[in-house]
Amino acid sequence: MAGLFRIVYVSTAQPGLTDSDIESLLNAAQSNNDERFITGYLVHNGPNFMQLIEGPFNEVDEVYGRILRDRRHSGIVRIQAEWADHRVFPNWSMNYFRVDRHGSVGSMISRGADSVDSLMEAGVPRDVLHLFSKFIQQTEYPEPRSDRAAPSGRARPDQQQEPQA
């Protein structure tokens, strides 16, 4: 498809964001995306979002501009922006996956006639699959492993530091 563009970003959800707020967001996204020939995937792991949107460059660029101004999240970091030969999620106007923290169970919510064949459709590029898989598995900032030093040479929280002379 000529002019197909893809953006993946992560952001932090505003505290107090309710299921109703997310349902409203998904309803608007599905309607808008259908009209603009945009497909996508939104994952929410509690405190954070990761989203992929893809479609004609001008449409994706406009939607991403609105995303940047949306007050339901902050700290938006674009982690991928690229031209593509084909869609990653050709059958999903906007699919949504919520990771519940009750025993690491996730819930997929299908939107309208979207495919629900699997968490990820066959043929998802490895880099995109890796990004979303790691995001879905991430719960909190991991504690340092005992066999590794803390970043920047700082002491791990479980180690006492001697005062500097």
Protein backbone atom coordinates (compact mmCIF):
# COMPACT_ATOMS: atom_id res chain seq x y z
CA MET A 1 0.00 0.00 0.00
CA ALA A 2 1.55 3.31 -1.07
CA GLY A 3 1.95 5.92 1.63
CA LEU A 4 1.36 3.53 4.54
CA PHE A 5 2.88 4.89 7.73
CA ARG A 6 3.11 3.42 11.23
CA ILE A 7 3.72 4.99 14.66
CA VAL A 8 4.17 3.19 17.97
CA TYR A 9 4.28 5.20 21.19
CA VAL A 10 4.06 4.71 24.94
CA SER A 11 2.51 7.07 27.49
CA THR A 12 1.43 7.30 31.11
CA ALA A 13 -2.29 7.19 31.89
CA GLN A 14 -3.66 10.00 34.01
CA PRO A 15 -4.47 8.87 37.56
CA GLY A 16 -8.15 8.13 38.00
CA LEU A 17 -8.76 7.12 34.38
CA THR A 18 -11.84 4.88 34.51
CA ASP A 19 -13.06 1.99 32.38
CA SER A 20 -15.78 4.34 31.17
CA ASP A 21 -13.14 6.87 30.03
CA ILE A 22 -11.33 4.15 28.10
CA GLU A 23 -14.59 2.87 26.57
CA SER A 24 -15.35 6.40 25.37
CA LEU A 25 -11.84 6.72 23.91
CA LEU A 26 -12.18 3.38 22.09
CA ASN A 27 -15.59 4.23 20.65
CA ALA A 28 -14.30 7.53 19.27
CA ALA A 29 -11.10 5.91 17.95
CA GLN A 30 -12.98 3.14 16.16
CA SER A 31 -15.34 5.57 14.45
CA ASN A 32 -12.57 8.00 13.47
CA ASN A 33 -10.22 5.24 12.34
CA ASP A 34 -12.83 3.64 10.08
CA GLU A 35 -13.34 6.97 8.30
CA ARG A 36 -9.59 7.58 7.93
CA PHE A 37 -8.54 4.05 6.92
CA ILE A 38 -6.46 3.74 10.08
CA THR A 39 -5.92 0.49 11.93
CA GLY A 40 -4.38 0.05 15.32
CA TYR A 41 -3.84 -1.65 18.63
CA LEU A 42 -3.94 -0.13 22.13
CA VAL A 43 -2.55 -1.94 25.17
CA HIS A 44 -3.08 -0.70 28.73
CA ASN A 45 -1.04 -2.30 31.50
CA GLY A 46 -2.39 -0.20 34.36
CA PRO A 47 -0.21 2.86 34.59
CA ASN A 48 0.84 2.98 30.93
CA PHE A 49 -0.40 2.73 27.36
CA MET A 50 1.31 1.44 24.23
CA GLN A 51 -0.36 2.07 20.90
CA LEU A 52 0.33 1.33 17.27
CA ILE A 53 -1.53 3.34 14.63
CA GLU A 54 -1.08 2.81 10.91
CA GLY A 55 -2.57 4.14 7.73
CA PRO A 56 -2.08 6.89 5.16
CA PHE A 57 0.70 9.23 6.31
CA ASN A 58 -1.40 12.42 6.47
CA GLU A 59 -4.14 10.69 8.48
CA VAL A 60 -1.72 9.05 10.94
CA ASP A 61 0.16 12.33 11.35
CA GLU A 62 -3.08 14.19 12.14
CA VAL A 63 -4.28 11.54 14.59
CA TYR A 64 -0.90 11.46 16.32
CA GLY A 65 -1.05 15.25 16.70
CA ARG A 66 -4.39 14.87 18.52
CA ILE A 67 -2.92 12.09 20.66
CA LEU A 68 -0.11 14.43 21.72
CA ARG A 69 -2.70 16.97 22.96
CA ASP A 70 -4.96 14.44 24.72
CA ARG A 71 -5.02 15.07 28.49
CA ARG A 72 -5.95 11.49 29.38
CA HIS A 73 -2.26 10.64 29.27
CA SER A 74 1.14 12.29 29.52
CA GLY A 75 4.82 11.55 28.98
CA ILE A 76 4.27 10.42 25.40
CA VAL A 77 7.34 8.85 23.83
CA ARG A 78 7.32 7.82 20.19
CA ILE A 79 9.35 4.63 19.92
CA GLN A 80 8.79 3.80 16.27
CA ALA A 81 7.79 5.80 13.20
CA GLU A 82 8.27 4.16 9.84
CA TRP A 83 6.98 3.63 6.35
CA ALA A 84 5.50 0.19 5.82
CA ASP A 85 4.72 -2.13 2.92
CA HIS A 86 1.71 -3.69 4.64
CA ARG A 87 -0.44 -3.25 7.74
CA VAL A 88 0.39 -5.04 10.96
CA PHE A 89 -3.28 -5.13 12.02
CA PRO A 90 -5.31 -4.99 8.80
CA ASN A 91 -8.49 -6.22 10.47
CA TRP A 92 -8.47 -4.07 13.62
CA SER A 93 -9.85 -0.53 13.39
CA MET A 94 -8.76 -0.25 17.03
CA ASN A 95 -8.27 -3.31 19.15
CA TYR A 96 -7.69 -3.02 22.87
CA PHE A 97 -5.86 -5.27 25.30
CA ARG A 98 -5.96 -4.62 29.03
CA VAL A 99 -3.52 -6.41 31.28
CA ASP A 100 -5.19 -7.18 34.59
CA ARG A 101 -2.85 -7.54 37.52
CA HIS A 102 -4.80 -10.40 39.05
CA GLY A 103 -2.47 -13.28 38.43
CA SER A 104 -1.11 -11.73 35.20
CA VAL A 105 -4.36 -12.29 33.32
CA GLY A 106 -5.10 -10.13 30.29
CA SER A 107 -8.39 -9.21 28.67
CA MET A 108 -8.86 -8.47 24.99
CA ILE A 109 -11.84 -6.33 24.06
CA SER A 110 -12.85 -6.60 20.42
CA ARG A 111 -14.33 -3.60 18.70
CA GLY A 112 -17.24 -4.13 16.32
CA ALA A 113 -16.35 -6.55 13.54
CA ASP A 114 -12.65 -6.68 14.45
CA SER A 115 -10.96 -10.06 14.27
CA VAL A 116 -10.46 -11.82 17.60
CA ASP A 117 -8.44 -14.74 16.23
CA SER A 118 -5.53 -14.15 18.59
CA LEU A 119 -3.74 -11.58 20.68
CA MET A 120 -1.58 -10.79 17.65
CA GLU A 121 -2.46 -11.66 14.09
CA ALA A 122 -0.18 -13.90 12.03
CA GLY A 123 2.54 -12.05 10.19
CA VAL A 124 3.18 -9.32 12.77
CA PRO A 125 6.75 -8.05 12.22
CA ARG A 126 9.16 -9.38 14.85
CA ASP A 127 10.12 -5.92 16.12
CA VAL A 128 6.47 -4.97 16.72
CA LEU A 129 5.72 -8.34 18.30
CA HIS A 130 8.72 -7.92 20.61
CA LEU A 131 7.72 -4.39 21.66
CA PHE A 132 4.16 -5.35 22.56
CA SER A 133 5.14 -8.64 24.21
CA LYS A 134 7.62 -6.90 26.51
CA PHE A 135 5.13 -4.14 27.30
CA ILE A 136 2.36 -6.61 28.17
CA GLN A 137 4.71 -8.55 30.46
CA GLN A 138 6.00 -5.43 32.22
CA THR A 139 4.34 -4.87 35.59
CA GLU A 140 6.50 -2.40 37.44
CA TYR A 141 10.03 -1.13 37.24
CA PRO A 142 12.04 -4.29 37.90
CA GLU A 143 14.26 -4.56 40.95
CA PRO A 144 17.97 -4.92 40.17
CA ARG A 145 19.17 -8.48 40.10
CA SER A 146 21.74 -9.32 42.74
CA ASP A 147 24.30 -10.27 40.10
CA ARG A 148 24.17 -6.83 38.46
CA ALA A 149 25.32 -3.44 39.60
CA ALA A 150 22.83 -0.60 39.72
CA PRO A 151 22.83 1.82 36.75
CA SER A 152 25.45 4.58 36.63
CA GLY A 153 27.59 2.85 39.23
CA ARG A 154 25.15 3.73 42.03
CA ALA A 155 24.76 1.29 44.87
CA ARG A 156 21.79 -1.03 44.79
CA PRO A 157 19.06 -0.17 47.33
CA ASP A 158 19.99 -3.22 49.40
CA GLN A 159 23.62 -2.15 49.75
CA GLN A 160 24.92 0.36 52.26
CA GLN A 161 27.14 3.05 50.87
CA GLU A 162 30.17 4.23 52.80
CA PRO A 163 30.39 7.99 53.27
CA GLN A 164 32.82 9.72 50.91
CA ALA A 165 35.78 11.47 52.54
